C-alpha atoms as a PDB file:
ATOM      1  CA  MET A   1      87.372  73.944 116.975  1.00  0.00           C
ATOM      2  CA  SER A   2      88.673  75.477 113.921  1.00  0.00           C
ATOM      3  CA  GLN A   3      91.905  76.738 114.503  1.00  0.00           C
ATOM      4  CA  PHE A   4      90.633  79.869 112.224  1.00  0.00           C
ATOM      5  CA  GLY A   5      88.071  80.970 114.604  1.00  0.00           C
ATOM      6  CA  GLY A   6      86.859  79.779 118.447  1.00  0.00           C
ATOM      7  CA  GLY A   7      89.067  80.217 121.251  1.00  0.00           C
ATOM      8  CA  GLY A   8      92.083  82.698 121.828  1.00  0.00           C
ATOM      9  CA  ASP A   9      94.872  79.990 121.494  1.00  0.00           C
ATOM     10  CA  GLU A  10      94.003  78.864 117.565  1.00  0.00           C
ATOM     11  CA  LYS A  11      93.813  82.720 116.697  1.00  0.00           C
ATOM     12  CA  PHE A  12      97.208  83.286 118.555  1.00  0.00           C
ATOM     13  CA  LYS A  13      98.860  80.330 116.740  1.00  0.00           C
ATOM     14  CA  PHE A  14      97.223  81.625 113.016  1.00  0.00           C
ATOM     15  CA  ILE A  15      98.639  85.563 113.610  1.00  0.00           C
ATOM     16  CA  THR A  16     101.943  83.579 114.715  1.00  0.00           C
ATOM     17  CA  HIS A  17     101.719  81.594 111.287  1.00  0.00           C
ATOM     18  CA  VAL A  18     100.939  84.421 109.102  1.00  0.00           C
ATOM     19  CA  VAL A  19     103.948  86.594 110.853  1.00  0.00           C
ATOM     20  CA  ARG A  20     106.632  83.976 110.445  1.00  0.00           C
ATOM     21  CA  GLY A  21     105.072  82.857 106.491  1.00  0.00           C
ATOM     22  CA  ARG A  22     106.343  83.576 103.550  1.00  0.00           C
ATOM     23  CA  TRP A  23     103.781  86.235 102.438  1.00  0.00           C
ATOM     24  CA  PHE A  24     104.291  88.195 105.197  1.00  0.00           C
ATOM     25  CA  THR A  25     107.893  89.148 104.205  1.00  0.00           C
ATOM     26  CA  VAL A  26     106.559  89.822 101.113  1.00  0.00           C
ATOM     27  CA  PHE A  27     104.176  92.200 102.771  1.00  0.00           C
ATOM     28  CA  ALA A  28     106.780  93.633 105.025  1.00  0.00           C
ATOM     29  CA  SER A  29     109.197  93.974 102.341  1.00  0.00           C
ATOM     30  CA  LEU A  30     107.115  96.374 100.427  1.00  0.00           C
ATOM     31  CA  TRP A  31     106.632  98.590 103.097  1.00  0.00           C
ATOM     32  CA  ILE A  32     110.608  98.658 103.594  1.00  0.00           C
ATOM     33  CA  MET A  33     111.011  99.619 100.226  1.00  0.00           C
ATOM     34  CA  ALA A  34     107.649 102.056 100.399  1.00  0.00           C
ATOM     35  CA  GLY A  35     109.838 104.099 102.975  1.00  0.00           C
ATOM     36  CA  THR A  36     112.682 104.320 101.356  1.00  0.00           C
ATOM     37  CA  ALA A  37     112.531 108.055  99.967  1.00  0.00           C
ATOM     38  CA  THR A  38     115.165 109.726 101.387  1.00  0.00           C
ATOM     39  CA  THR A  39     116.970 110.363  97.674  1.00  0.00           C
ATOM     40  CA  PHE A  40     113.938 111.049  95.898  1.00  0.00           C
ATOM     41  CA  CYS A  41     113.199 113.736  98.903  1.00  0.00           C
ATOM     42  CA  MET A  42     116.364 115.536  98.671  1.00  0.00           C
ATOM     43  CA  LYS A  43     115.591 117.590  95.852  1.00  0.00           C
ATOM     44  CA  LEU A  44     112.630 118.590  97.209  1.00  0.00           C
ATOM     45  CA  LEU A  45     114.259 119.811 100.760  1.00  0.00           C
ATOM     46  CA  GLY A  46     117.655 120.904  98.407  1.00  0.00           C
ATOM     47  CA  ASP A  47     115.717 124.282  97.707  1.00  0.00           C
ATOM     48  CA  GLN A  48     114.813 124.911 101.245  1.00  0.00           C
ATOM     49  CA  LEU A  49     117.636 123.348 103.453  1.00  0.00           C
ATOM     50  CA  GLY A  50     120.412 124.636 100.751  1.00  0.00           C
ATOM     51  CA  PHE A  51     123.836 122.652 100.661  1.00  0.00           C
ATOM     52  CA  SER A  52     126.630 122.473 102.831  1.00  0.00           C
ATOM     53  CA  PHE A  53     129.403 119.861 103.374  1.00  0.00           C
ATOM     54  CA  GLY A  54     127.410 118.531 106.683  1.00  0.00           C
ATOM     55  CA  ILE A  55     124.336 117.900 104.695  1.00  0.00           C
ATOM     56  CA  CYS A  56     126.208 116.590 101.831  1.00  0.00           C
ATOM     57  CA  ALA A  57     127.668 114.038 104.205  1.00  0.00           C
ATOM     58  CA  CYS A  58     124.473 113.174 105.857  1.00  0.00           C
ATOM     59  CA  VAL A  59     123.160 112.563 102.793  1.00  0.00           C
ATOM     60  CA  PHE A  60     125.726 110.473 101.436  1.00  0.00           C
ATOM     61  CA  VAL A  61     125.778 108.176 104.230  1.00  0.00           C
ATOM     62  CA  GLY A  62     121.814 107.830 104.129  1.00  0.00           C
ATOM     63  CA  ASN A  63     121.751 107.387 100.562  1.00  0.00           C
ATOM     64  CA  ASN A  64     124.176 104.435 100.957  1.00  0.00           C
ATOM     65  CA  ALA A  65     123.008 103.182 104.609  1.00  0.00           C
ATOM     66  CA  GLN A  66     119.494 101.737 102.569  1.00  0.00           C
ATOM     67  CA  ASN A  67     121.458  99.594 100.273  1.00  0.00           C
ATOM     68  CA  PHE A  68     121.777  97.540 103.409  1.00  0.00           C
ATOM     69  CA  THR A  69     117.849  96.621 104.210  1.00  0.00           C
ATOM     70  CA  HIS A  70     117.399  96.936  99.784  1.00  0.00           C
ATOM     71  CA  THR A  71     119.672  94.058  99.943  1.00  0.00           C
ATOM     72  CA  ALA A  72     118.232  92.125 102.999  1.00  0.00           C
ATOM     73  CA  THR A  73     114.911  92.324 102.034  1.00  0.00           C
ATOM     74  CA  LEU A  74     115.641  91.934  97.975  1.00  0.00           C
ATOM     75  CA  VAL A  75     118.030  88.755  98.688  1.00  0.00           C
ATOM     76  CA  THR A  76     115.713  87.121 101.258  1.00  0.00           C
ATOM     77  CA  CYS A  77     112.355  87.625  98.879  1.00  0.00           C
ATOM     78  CA  VAL A  78     114.412  86.204  95.981  1.00  0.00           C
ATOM     79  CA  LYS A  79     115.394  83.105  97.996  1.00  0.00           C
ATOM     80  CA  ASN A  80     111.961  82.264  99.594  1.00  0.00           C
ATOM     81  CA  PHE A  81     110.247  82.209  95.925  1.00  0.00           C
ATOM     82  CA  PRO A  82     113.155  81.406  93.465  1.00  0.00           C
ATOM     83  CA  GLU A  83     111.157  80.178  90.782  1.00  0.00           C
ATOM     84  CA  LYS A  84     109.107  84.128  90.602  1.00  0.00           C
ATOM     85  CA  ARG A  85     112.616  86.029  91.034  1.00  0.00           C
ATOM     86  CA  GLY A  86     111.407  88.216  88.102  1.00  0.00           C
ATOM     87  CA  ILE A  87     108.007  89.533  89.389  1.00  0.00           C
ATOM     88  CA  VAL A  88     109.498  89.536  92.906  1.00  0.00           C
ATOM     89  CA  ILE A  89     112.282  91.924  91.845  1.00  0.00           C
ATOM     90  CA  GLY A  90     109.958  94.328  89.357  1.00  0.00           C
ATOM     91  CA  LEU A  91     107.650  94.486  92.375  1.00  0.00           C
ATOM     92  CA  LEU A  92     110.153  95.398  95.158  1.00  0.00           C
ATOM     93  CA  LYS A  93     112.029  98.029  92.886  1.00  0.00           C
ATOM     94  CA  GLY A  94     108.833  99.319  91.833  1.00  0.00           C
ATOM     95  CA  LEU A  95     107.972 100.582  95.249  1.00  0.00           C
ATOM     96  CA  ILE A  96     111.406 101.966  95.749  1.00  0.00           C
ATOM     97  CA  GLY A  97     109.975 104.504  92.296  1.00  0.00           C
ATOM     98  CA  LEU A  98     106.998 105.184  94.121  1.00  0.00           C
ATOM     99  CA  SER A  99     108.542 105.941  97.812  1.00  0.00           C
ATOM    100  CA  GLY A 100     109.113 109.944  97.113  1.00  0.00           C
ATOM    101  CA  ALA A 101     105.443 110.421  96.602  1.00  0.00           C
ATOM    102  CA  LEU A 102     104.227 107.988  99.125  1.00  0.00           C
ATOM    103  CA  ILE A 103     106.258 110.564 101.530  1.00  0.00           C
ATOM    104  CA  THR A 104     105.252 113.452 100.285  1.00  0.00           C
ATOM    105  CA  GLN A 105     101.821 112.768 100.546  1.00  0.00           C
ATOM    106  CA  LEU A 106     101.900 111.212 103.781  1.00  0.00           C
ATOM    107  CA  ALA A 107     103.639 114.083 105.203  1.00  0.00           C
ATOM    108  CA  LEU A 108     100.583 116.228 103.694  1.00  0.00           C
ATOM    109  CA  ALA A 109      97.942 113.820 105.206  1.00  0.00           C
ATOM    110  CA  PHE A 110      99.457 113.930 108.695  1.00  0.00           C
ATOM    111  CA  TYR A 111     100.890 117.327 108.864  1.00  0.00           C
ATOM    112  CA  GLY A 112      99.063 119.348 106.326  1.00  0.00           C
ATOM    113  CA  ASP A 113     102.160 120.989 104.413  1.00  0.00           C
ATOM    114  CA  GLN A 114     105.250 119.557 103.096  1.00  0.00           C
ATOM    115  CA  SER A 115     107.258 122.177 105.011  1.00  0.00           C
ATOM    116  CA  VAL A 116     111.062 120.383 105.329  1.00  0.00           C
ATOM    117  CA  ARG A 117     110.782 119.976 108.692  1.00  0.00           C
ATOM    118  CA  HIS A 118     107.583 117.516 108.883  1.00  0.00           C
ATOM    119  CA  ILE A 119     109.377 115.505 105.674  1.00  0.00           C
ATOM    120  CA  LEU A 120     112.635 115.174 107.792  1.00  0.00           C
ATOM    121  CA  LEU A 121     110.556 114.103 110.470  1.00  0.00           C
ATOM    122  CA  LEU A 122     108.559 111.730 108.549  1.00  0.00           C
ATOM    123  CA  ILE A 123     112.054 110.580 107.048  1.00  0.00           C
ATOM    124  CA  ALA A 124     112.994 110.021 110.043  1.00  0.00           C
ATOM    125  CA  TRP A 125     110.685 108.099 111.959  1.00  0.00           C
ATOM    126  CA  PHE A 126     108.718 106.003 109.121  1.00  0.00           C
ATOM    127  CA  PRO A 127     110.994 103.952 108.175  1.00  0.00           C
ATOM    128  CA  VAL A 128     112.487 102.634 110.789  1.00  0.00           C
ATOM    129  CA  ALA A 129     109.125 101.908 112.297  1.00  0.00           C
ATOM    130  CA  ILE A 130     108.948 100.126 109.395  1.00  0.00           C
ATOM    131  CA  ALA A 131     111.659  98.502 109.699  1.00  0.00           C
ATOM    132  CA  LEU A 132     111.376  97.239 113.262  1.00  0.00           C
ATOM    133  CA  ALA A 133     107.562  96.297 112.721  1.00  0.00           C
ATOM    134  CA  SER A 134     109.607  93.923 109.980  1.00  0.00           C
ATOM    135  CA  PHE A 135     111.938  91.613 112.024  1.00  0.00           C
ATOM    136  CA  THR A 136     110.411  88.368 110.988  1.00  0.00           C
ATOM    137  CA  ILE A 137     111.942  88.753 107.376  1.00  0.00           C
ATOM    138  CA  ARG A 138     114.250  85.793 106.886  1.00  0.00           C
ATOM    139  CA  PRO A 139     114.776  83.062 104.458  1.00  0.00           C
ATOM    140  CA  ILE A 140     112.084  80.425 105.126  1.00  0.00           C
ATOM    141  CA  GLU A 141     111.772  76.574 104.089  1.00  0.00           C
ATOM    142  CA  PHE A 142     108.803  75.877 101.608  1.00  0.00           C
ATOM    143  CA  ARG A 143     107.144  73.651  99.662  1.00  0.00           C
ATOM    144  CA  ARG A 144     106.177  75.158  96.463  1.00  0.00           C
ATOM    145  CA  GLN A 145     102.668  77.338  96.129  1.00  0.00           C
ATOM    146  CA  PRO A 146     100.600  76.173  93.110  1.00  0.00           C
ATOM    147  CA  ASN A 147      99.188  79.632  92.807  1.00  0.00           C
ATOM    148  CA  GLU A 148     102.267  81.819  93.747  1.00  0.00           C
ATOM    149  CA  LEU A 149     102.033  83.536  90.358  1.00  0.00           C
ATOM    150  CA  LYS A 150      98.459  84.773  90.700  1.00  0.00           C
ATOM    151  CA  VAL A 151      98.972  85.839  94.243  1.00  0.00           C
ATOM    152  CA  PHE A 152     101.805  87.989  92.995  1.00  0.00           C
ATOM    153  CA  PHE A 153      99.550  89.367  89.888  1.00  0.00           C
ATOM    154  CA  HIS A 154      97.086  90.757  92.859  1.00  0.00           C
ATOM    155  CA  ILE A 155      99.794  92.359  94.547  1.00  0.00           C
ATOM    156  CA  PHE A 156     100.919  93.772  91.250  1.00  0.00           C
ATOM    157  CA  TYR A 157      97.117  95.064  90.766  1.00  0.00           C
ATOM    158  CA  VAL A 158      97.424  96.571  93.944  1.00  0.00           C
ATOM    159  CA  SER A 159     100.789  98.507  93.461  1.00  0.00           C
ATOM    160  CA  LEU A 160      99.311  99.521  90.103  1.00  0.00           C
ATOM    161  CA  SER A 161      96.454 101.163  91.333  1.00  0.00           C
ATOM    162  CA  LEU A 162      98.653 102.959  94.303  1.00  0.00           C
ATOM    163  CA  ALA A 163     100.827 104.397  91.532  1.00  0.00           C
ATOM    164  CA  VAL A 164      97.886 105.067  89.364  1.00  0.00           C
ATOM    165  CA  PHE A 165      96.175 106.985  92.519  1.00  0.00           C
ATOM    166  CA  LEU A 166      99.113 108.826  93.291  1.00  0.00           C
ATOM    167  CA  MET A 167      99.821 110.302  89.748  1.00  0.00           C
ATOM    168  CA  ILE A 168      95.842 111.467  89.893  1.00  0.00           C
ATOM    169  CA  VAL A 169      96.567 113.217  93.201  1.00  0.00           C
ATOM    170  CA  THR A 170      99.887 114.654  92.134  1.00  0.00           C
ATOM    171  CA  LEU A 171      98.437 116.150  88.900  1.00  0.00           C
ATOM    172  CA  CYS A 172      95.173 117.373  90.567  1.00  0.00           C
ATOM    173  CA  GLU A 173      96.849 118.967  93.759  1.00  0.00           C
ATOM    174  CA  ARG A 174      98.826 120.951  90.526  1.00  0.00           C
ATOM    175  CA  PHE A 175      95.578 122.353  89.654  1.00  0.00           C
ATOM    176  CA  PHE A 176      93.506 122.659  92.474  1.00  0.00           C
ATOM    177  CA  THR A 177      93.666 123.748  96.290  1.00  0.00           C
ATOM    178  CA  PHE A 178      93.200 120.728  98.239  1.00  0.00           C
ATOM    179  CA  PRO A 179      91.645 121.242 101.914  1.00  0.00           C
ATOM    180  CA  ARG A 180      92.887 119.565 105.058  1.00  0.00           C
ATOM    181  CA  ILE A 181      90.362 117.108 104.671  1.00  0.00           C
ATOM    182  CA  GLY A 182      91.380 116.297 101.259  1.00  0.00           C
ATOM    183  CA  TYR A 183      95.050 115.509 102.175  1.00  0.00           C
ATOM    184  CA  VAL A 184      93.947 113.189 105.112  1.00  0.00           C
ATOM    185  CA  GLY A 185      91.732 111.656 102.893  1.00  0.00           C
ATOM    186  CA  SER A 186      94.362 110.927 100.180  1.00  0.00           C
ATOM    187  CA  GLY A 187      96.462 109.421 103.041  1.00  0.00           C
ATOM    188  CA  ILE A 188      93.684 107.118 104.235  1.00  0.00           C
ATOM    189  CA  VAL A 189      93.549 105.909 100.405  1.00  0.00           C
ATOM    190  CA  ILE A 190      97.167 105.477 100.373  1.00  0.00           C
ATOM    191  CA  LEU A 191      97.684 103.424 103.674  1.00  0.00           C
ATOM    192  CA  PHE A 192      94.792 101.360 102.816  1.00  0.00           C
ATOM    193  CA  LEU A 193      96.111 100.128  99.556  1.00  0.00           C
ATOM    194  CA  LEU A 194      99.412  99.617 101.001  1.00  0.00           C
ATOM    195  CA  ALA A 195      97.651  97.451 103.570  1.00  0.00           C
ATOM    196  CA  LEU A 196      96.219  95.261 100.800  1.00  0.00           C
ATOM    197  CA  PRO A 197      99.058  92.765 100.553  1.00  0.00           C
ATOM    198  CA  LEU A 198      98.673  92.089 104.354  1.00  0.00           C
ATOM    199  CA  LEU A 199      95.110  90.988 103.626  1.00  0.00           C
ATOM    200  CA  ILE A 200      96.621  89.022 100.505  1.00  0.00           C
ATOM    201  CA  ALA A 201      99.194  87.519 102.798  1.00  0.00           C
ATOM    202  CA  ILE A 202      96.693  86.422 105.702  1.00  0.00           C
ATOM    203  CA  ARG A 203      94.354  84.840 102.731  1.00  0.00           C
ATOM    204  CA  GLU A 204      97.672  82.459 101.770  1.00  0.00           C
ATOM    205  CA  GLU A 205      98.213  81.635 104.994  1.00  0.00           C
ATOM    206  CA  ARG A 206      94.637  80.322 105.795  1.00  0.00           C
ATOM    207  CA  PHE A 207      95.074  78.391 102.068  1.00  0.00           C
ATOM    208  CA  ILE A 208      98.333  77.116 103.293  1.00  0.00           C
ATOM    209  CA  LEU A 209      96.843  75.916 106.231  1.00  0.00           C
ATOM    210  CA  SER A 210      93.753  74.487 104.895  1.00  0.00           C
ATOM    211  CA  LEU A 211      95.784  72.322 102.474  1.00  0.00           C
ATOM    212  CA  LYS A 212      98.456  71.031 105.233  1.00  0.00           C
ATOM    213  CA  GLN A 213      95.307  69.854 106.904  1.00  0.00           C
ATOM    214  CA  GLN A 214      94.178  67.526 103.527  1.00  0.00           C
ATOM    215  CA  PRO A 215      95.722  63.884 103.598  1.00  0.00           C
ATOM    216  CA  ASP A 216      97.347  64.727 100.139  1.00  0.00           C
ATOM    217  CA  ASN A 217      98.178  68.379 100.374  1.00  0.00           C
ATOM    218  CA  LEU A 218      99.040  70.450  97.245  1.00  0.00           C
ATOM    219  CA  LEU A 219     101.845  71.968  98.705  1.00  0.00           C
ATOM    220  CA  ALA A 220     104.434  68.877  97.951  1.00  0.00           C
END
């Protein structure tokens, strides 16, 4: 029986292999970077919150706390793909730049407006949920995969599509009034684009397992 189908044992082993694989660490790191939008959302919230010493102190602590997650994910991904460190850093830093637009659009999709309480609520639970779900990020022993650069370009195309979509939606919101279903639809598209790297990770882990089954596999 093939390990890609059949009984529940094989499926569970494959899921475990994916979650513990190098490509899942890339997917999880992208989500962590996409959820760190506190700094970029403060300009949006500043006019409504006002500024006091307490708020400034909380923002200072929160923004500096992001460095821990950024460093952990970035350094780990570079260690896992040392020969592709340039594109790895570019992809992860690019998602940080998109995080503010992502959070505001998801707030509109989930809650229907950009009120302070809704954006603060999303900032509070969304990054935490991502971090808790990404506990497998770690340095992994590996043998070089021959198509690594091609896979990273696929992830880059997904990130570029996400950036273009966010730009189009943001511009359209300036000239048109979106109905509630429009915000929900844009949120679904954003989550779909964010989930595409997971499908790429699953495909690559399946490819790696198939190579390992060959007598002279290409991962040497």
